[in-house]
Amino acid sequence: MNTHGETHEIRQIPRFGSQDMGIVRDAAIAGLGVAWLPDHFVREPLEKGLVVQVLPDWTGAEGIVHLVFTTRRGLPSAVRAFIDHLAAGFPKRL
């Protein structure tokens, strides 16, 4: 979606893919192509001029974030604080 609320679907056939965002980021820094990565993950390479934002007025579709942890019983307070921090940073769904 862009800043005007318009949407557009781009169909592409990737030549390279990985579930490791670090590898994808490193490939983009090496000039191997375009990468779609979260803002926070490329903030430093952007600031250093190692990569450029190709479509600054466009964002990806919203998604759902899942946080998985072993149990609520015995959950360390630091983990609880981290969960609360993450939850506060994401928009609420109705």
N, C-alpha and C. Protein backbone atom coordinates (compact mmCIF):
# COMPACT_ATOMS: atom_id res chain seq x y z
N MET A 1 0.85 -1.16 0.00
CA MET A 1 0.00 0.00 0.00
C MET A 1 0.90 1.24 0.00
N ASN A 2 0.47 2.26 -0.72
CA ASN A 2 1.26 3.49 -0.70
C ASN A 2 0.62 4.50 0.24
N THR A 3 1.21 5.68 0.28
CA THR A 3 0.74 6.72 1.21
C THR A 3 -0.66 7.24 0.87
N HIS A 4 -1.16 6.91 -0.32
CA HIS A 4 -2.50 7.33 -0.75
C HIS A 4 -3.53 6.21 -0.58
N GLY A 5 -3.10 5.08 0.00
CA GLY A 5 -4.01 3.97 0.22
C GLY A 5 -4.18 3.06 -0.98
N GLU A 6 -3.43 3.29 -2.03
CA GLU A 6 -3.52 2.45 -3.22
C GLU A 6 -2.73 1.16 -3.01
N THR A 7 -3.19 0.09 -3.65
CA THR A 7 -2.46 -1.17 -3.58
C THR A 7 -2.10 -1.63 -4.99
N HIS A 8 -1.08 -2.45 -5.07
CA HIS A 8 -0.64 -3.00 -6.34
C HIS A 8 0.05 -4.32 -6.06
N GLU A 9 -0.26 -5.32 -6.85
CA GLU A 9 0.36 -6.63 -6.67
C GLU A 9 1.45 -6.80 -7.72
N ILE A 10 2.62 -7.19 -7.26
CA ILE A 10 3.75 -7.43 -8.16
C ILE A 10 4.05 -8.91 -8.15
N ARG A 11 3.97 -9.53 -9.29
CA ARG A 11 4.33 -10.95 -9.40
C ARG A 11 5.78 -11.04 -9.84
N GLN A 12 6.51 -11.88 -9.16
CA GLN A 12 7.92 -12.01 -9.48
C GLN A 12 8.36 -13.45 -9.25
N ILE A 13 9.42 -13.82 -9.90
CA ILE A 13 10.01 -15.14 -9.71
C ILE A 13 11.39 -14.90 -9.11
N PRO A 14 11.55 -15.21 -7.82
CA PRO A 14 12.85 -14.95 -7.18
C PRO A 14 13.94 -15.86 -7.73
N ARG A 15 15.12 -15.32 -7.83
CA ARG A 15 16.28 -16.10 -8.26
C ARG A 15 17.07 -16.57 -7.05
N PHE A 16 16.77 -16.00 -5.90
CA PHE A 16 17.45 -16.36 -4.66
C PHE A 16 16.47 -16.15 -3.52
N GLY A 17 16.50 -17.01 -2.54
CA GLY A 17 15.64 -16.85 -1.39
C GLY A 17 16.24 -17.53 -0.18
N SER A 18 15.88 -17.03 0.98
CA SER A 18 16.34 -17.60 2.23
C SER A 18 15.39 -17.19 3.33
N GLN A 19 15.21 -18.06 4.31
CA GLN A 19 14.42 -17.70 5.48
C GLN A 19 15.26 -16.92 6.49
N ASP A 20 16.54 -16.80 6.23
CA ASP A 20 17.45 -16.06 7.11
C ASP A 20 17.56 -14.63 6.59
N MET A 21 16.94 -13.69 7.31
CA MET A 21 16.93 -12.30 6.85
C MET A 21 18.32 -11.71 6.78
N GLY A 22 19.24 -12.19 7.61
CA GLY A 22 20.62 -11.71 7.57
C GLY A 22 21.28 -12.04 6.25
N ILE A 23 21.01 -13.22 5.73
CA ILE A 23 21.58 -13.61 4.44
C ILE A 23 20.98 -12.76 3.33
N VAL A 24 19.67 -12.54 3.39
CA VAL A 24 19.01 -11.71 2.37
C VAL A 24 19.56 -10.28 2.42
N ARG A 25 19.71 -9.74 3.63
CA ARG A 25 20.27 -8.38 3.78
C ARG A 25 21.68 -8.33 3.22
N ASP A 26 22.50 -9.32 3.55
CA ASP A 26 23.88 -9.35 3.05
C ASP A 26 23.93 -9.45 1.53
N ALA A 27 23.01 -10.21 0.95
CA ALA A 27 22.95 -10.33 -0.51
C ALA A 27 22.60 -8.98 -1.14
N ALA A 28 21.67 -8.24 -0.52
CA ALA A 28 21.30 -6.92 -1.03
C ALA A 28 22.48 -5.96 -0.91
N ILE A 29 23.18 -6.00 0.22
CA ILE A 29 24.35 -5.13 0.41
C ILE A 29 25.42 -5.44 -0.63
N ALA A 30 25.54 -6.73 -1.00
CA ALA A 30 26.53 -7.14 -2.00
C ALA A 30 26.09 -6.78 -3.42
N GLY A 31 24.89 -6.21 -3.56
CA GLY A 31 24.42 -5.78 -4.88
C GLY A 31 23.81 -6.89 -5.71
N LEU A 32 23.34 -7.96 -5.05
CA LEU A 32 22.80 -9.09 -5.80
C LEU A 32 21.33 -8.94 -6.18
N GLY A 33 20.69 -7.88 -5.75
CA GLY A 33 19.30 -7.68 -6.13
C GLY A 33 18.53 -6.87 -5.10
N VAL A 34 17.22 -6.90 -5.23
CA VAL A 34 16.30 -6.16 -4.38
C VAL A 34 15.83 -7.10 -3.27
N ALA A 35 15.75 -6.59 -2.06
CA ALA A 35 15.29 -7.39 -0.93
C ALA A 35 14.13 -6.68 -0.24
N TRP A 36 13.20 -7.45 0.25
CA TRP A 36 12.07 -6.91 1.00
C TRP A 36 12.28 -7.31 2.44
N LEU A 37 12.69 -6.36 3.26
CA LEU A 37 13.05 -6.62 4.65
C LEU A 37 12.41 -5.59 5.57
N PRO A 38 12.21 -5.94 6.84
CA PRO A 38 11.65 -4.97 7.79
C PRO A 38 12.57 -3.76 7.96
N ASP A 39 11.96 -2.61 8.17
CA ASP A 39 12.71 -1.36 8.33
C ASP A 39 13.81 -1.46 9.38
N HIS A 40 13.47 -2.03 10.53
CA HIS A 40 14.45 -2.09 11.62
C HIS A 40 15.64 -2.98 11.26
N PHE A 41 15.45 -3.87 10.33
CA PHE A 41 16.51 -4.80 9.97
C PHE A 41 17.51 -4.19 9.01
N VAL A 42 17.12 -3.14 8.31
CA VAL A 42 18.03 -2.49 7.35
C VAL A 42 18.33 -1.04 7.71
N ARG A 43 17.93 -0.63 8.91
CA ARG A 43 18.15 0.76 9.33
C ARG A 43 19.62 1.15 9.23
N GLU A 44 20.50 0.33 9.81
CA GLU A 44 21.93 0.65 9.80
C GLU A 44 22.52 0.64 8.39
N PRO A 45 22.27 -0.38 7.56
CA PRO A 45 22.79 -0.33 6.19
C PRO A 45 22.25 0.87 5.39
N LEU A 46 20.99 1.26 5.66
CA LEU A 46 20.45 2.45 4.99
C LEU A 46 21.20 3.71 5.42
N GLU A 47 21.41 3.84 6.75
CA GLU A 47 22.10 5.03 7.26
C GLU A 47 23.54 5.11 6.75
N LYS A 48 24.17 3.98 6.56
CA LYS A 48 25.55 3.94 6.08
C LYS A 48 25.65 4.04 4.56
N GLY A 49 24.50 4.04 3.87
CA GLY A 49 24.50 4.13 2.41
C GLY A 49 24.85 2.82 1.72
N LEU A 50 24.77 1.71 2.45
CA LEU A 50 25.10 0.42 1.86
C LEU A 50 23.97 -0.11 0.99
N VAL A 51 22.74 0.32 1.28
CA VAL A 51 21.57 -0.02 0.48
C VAL A 51 20.73 1.24 0.32
N VAL A 52 19.83 1.22 -0.64
CA VAL A 52 18.90 2.34 -0.83
C VAL A 52 17.48 1.79 -0.84
N GLN A 53 16.55 2.62 -0.40
CA GLN A 53 15.15 2.23 -0.42
C GLN A 53 14.61 2.48 -1.82
N VAL A 54 14.07 1.44 -2.43
CA VAL A 54 13.64 1.52 -3.83
C VAL A 54 12.28 2.18 -3.97
N LEU A 55 11.31 1.82 -3.14
CA LEU A 55 9.96 2.38 -3.22
C LEU A 55 9.58 2.97 -1.86
N PRO A 56 10.07 4.16 -1.53
CA PRO A 56 9.87 4.71 -0.19
C PRO A 56 8.43 5.01 0.18
N ASP A 57 7.54 5.20 -0.77
CA ASP A 57 6.15 5.51 -0.46
C ASP A 57 5.28 4.27 -0.32
N TRP A 58 5.86 3.08 -0.46
CA TRP A 58 5.09 1.84 -0.43
C TRP A 58 5.51 0.96 0.75
N THR A 59 4.54 0.22 1.28
CA THR A 59 4.81 -0.73 2.36
C THR A 59 4.21 -2.08 1.98
N GLY A 60 4.66 -3.11 2.67
CA GLY A 60 4.09 -4.44 2.46
C GLY A 60 2.77 -4.57 3.19
N ALA A 61 2.09 -5.68 2.93
CA ALA A 61 0.82 -5.94 3.59
C ALA A 61 1.04 -6.18 5.07
N GLU A 62 0.04 -5.80 5.87
CA GLU A 62 0.12 -6.07 7.30
C GLU A 62 -0.01 -7.56 7.53
N GLY A 63 0.61 -8.02 8.58
CA GLY A 63 0.54 -9.44 8.90
C GLY A 63 0.31 -9.66 10.38
N ILE A 64 0.39 -10.88 10.77
CA ILE A 64 0.20 -11.26 12.16
C ILE A 64 1.55 -11.73 12.70
N VAL A 65 1.85 -11.33 13.91
CA VAL A 65 3.09 -11.74 14.56
C VAL A 65 2.74 -12.72 15.66
N HIS A 66 3.44 -13.84 15.69
CA HIS A 66 3.25 -14.83 16.75
C HIS A 66 4.49 -14.86 17.62
N LEU A 67 4.30 -14.87 18.91
CA LEU A 67 5.39 -14.98 19.86
C LEU A 67 5.20 -16.30 20.60
N VAL A 68 6.18 -17.16 20.53
CA VAL A 68 6.07 -18.49 21.12
C VAL A 68 7.03 -18.60 22.29
N PHE A 69 6.53 -19.04 23.42
CA PHE A 69 7.38 -19.27 24.59
C PHE A 69 6.87 -20.52 25.29
N THR A 70 7.69 -21.10 26.13
CA THR A 70 7.40 -22.42 26.68
C THR A 70 6.22 -22.47 27.64
N THR A 71 6.14 -21.59 28.58
CA THR A 71 5.08 -21.64 29.58
C THR A 71 4.93 -20.29 30.26
N ARG A 72 3.76 -20.03 30.79
CA ARG A 72 3.56 -18.81 31.58
C ARG A 72 4.07 -19.03 33.00
N ARG A 73 4.02 -20.26 33.45
CA ARG A 73 4.48 -20.57 34.79
C ARG A 73 5.99 -20.48 34.84
N GLY A 74 6.51 -19.70 35.72
CA GLY A 74 7.95 -19.57 35.83
C GLY A 74 8.55 -18.67 34.77
N LEU A 75 7.72 -17.86 34.09
CA LEU A 75 8.21 -16.96 33.05
C LEU A 75 9.05 -15.86 33.69
N PRO A 76 10.31 -15.73 33.30
CA PRO A 76 11.14 -14.68 33.90
C PRO A 76 10.56 -13.29 33.63
N SER A 77 10.71 -12.39 34.57
CA SER A 77 10.15 -11.05 34.43
C SER A 77 10.73 -10.32 33.22
N ALA A 78 11.98 -10.60 32.87
CA ALA A 78 12.59 -9.96 31.71
C ALA A 78 11.89 -10.41 30.42
N VAL A 79 11.50 -11.68 30.35
CA VAL A 79 10.78 -12.19 29.18
C VAL A 79 9.40 -11.57 29.11
N ARG A 80 8.72 -11.47 30.25
CA ARG A 80 7.39 -10.85 30.30
C ARG A 80 7.49 -9.39 29.84
N ALA A 81 8.51 -8.68 30.30
CA ALA A 81 8.69 -7.27 29.91
C ALA A 81 8.95 -7.17 28.41
N PHE A 82 9.72 -8.12 27.86
CA PHE A 82 10.00 -8.11 26.42
C PHE A 82 8.71 -8.36 25.62
N ILE A 83 7.90 -9.31 26.07
CA ILE A 83 6.61 -9.58 25.41
C ILE A 83 5.73 -8.34 25.44
N ASP A 84 5.64 -7.69 26.60
CA ASP A 84 4.83 -6.47 26.72
C ASP A 84 5.35 -5.37 25.82
N HIS A 85 6.67 -5.24 25.71
CA HIS A 85 7.28 -4.24 24.84
C HIS A 85 6.92 -4.50 23.38
N LEU A 86 7.02 -5.75 22.95
CA LEU A 86 6.66 -6.09 21.57
C LEU A 86 5.18 -5.83 21.30
N ALA A 87 4.35 -6.26 22.23
CA ALA A 87 2.89 -6.08 22.06
C ALA A 87 2.50 -4.61 21.96
N ALA A 88 3.18 -3.76 22.72
CA ALA A 88 2.87 -2.32 22.69
C ALA A 88 3.26 -1.69 21.36
N GLY A 89 4.23 -2.27 20.67
CA GLY A 89 4.71 -1.70 19.41
C GLY A 89 3.92 -2.08 18.19
N PHE A 90 2.98 -3.03 18.32
CA PHE A 90 2.19 -3.47 17.18
C PHE A 90 0.78 -2.94 17.29
N PRO A 91 0.17 -2.61 16.13
CA PRO A 91 -1.21 -2.10 16.17
C PRO A 91 -2.18 -3.18 16.66
N LYS A 92 -3.19 -2.74 17.35
CA LYS A 92 -4.21 -3.66 17.87
C LYS A 92 -5.16 -4.05 16.75
N ARG A 93 -5.51 -5.32 16.70
CA ARG A 93 -6.50 -5.80 15.72
C ARG A 93 -7.85 -5.91 16.41
N LEU A 94 -8.89 -5.61 15.69
CA LEU A 94 -10.25 -5.72 16.24
C LEU A 94 -10.80 -7.10 16.01
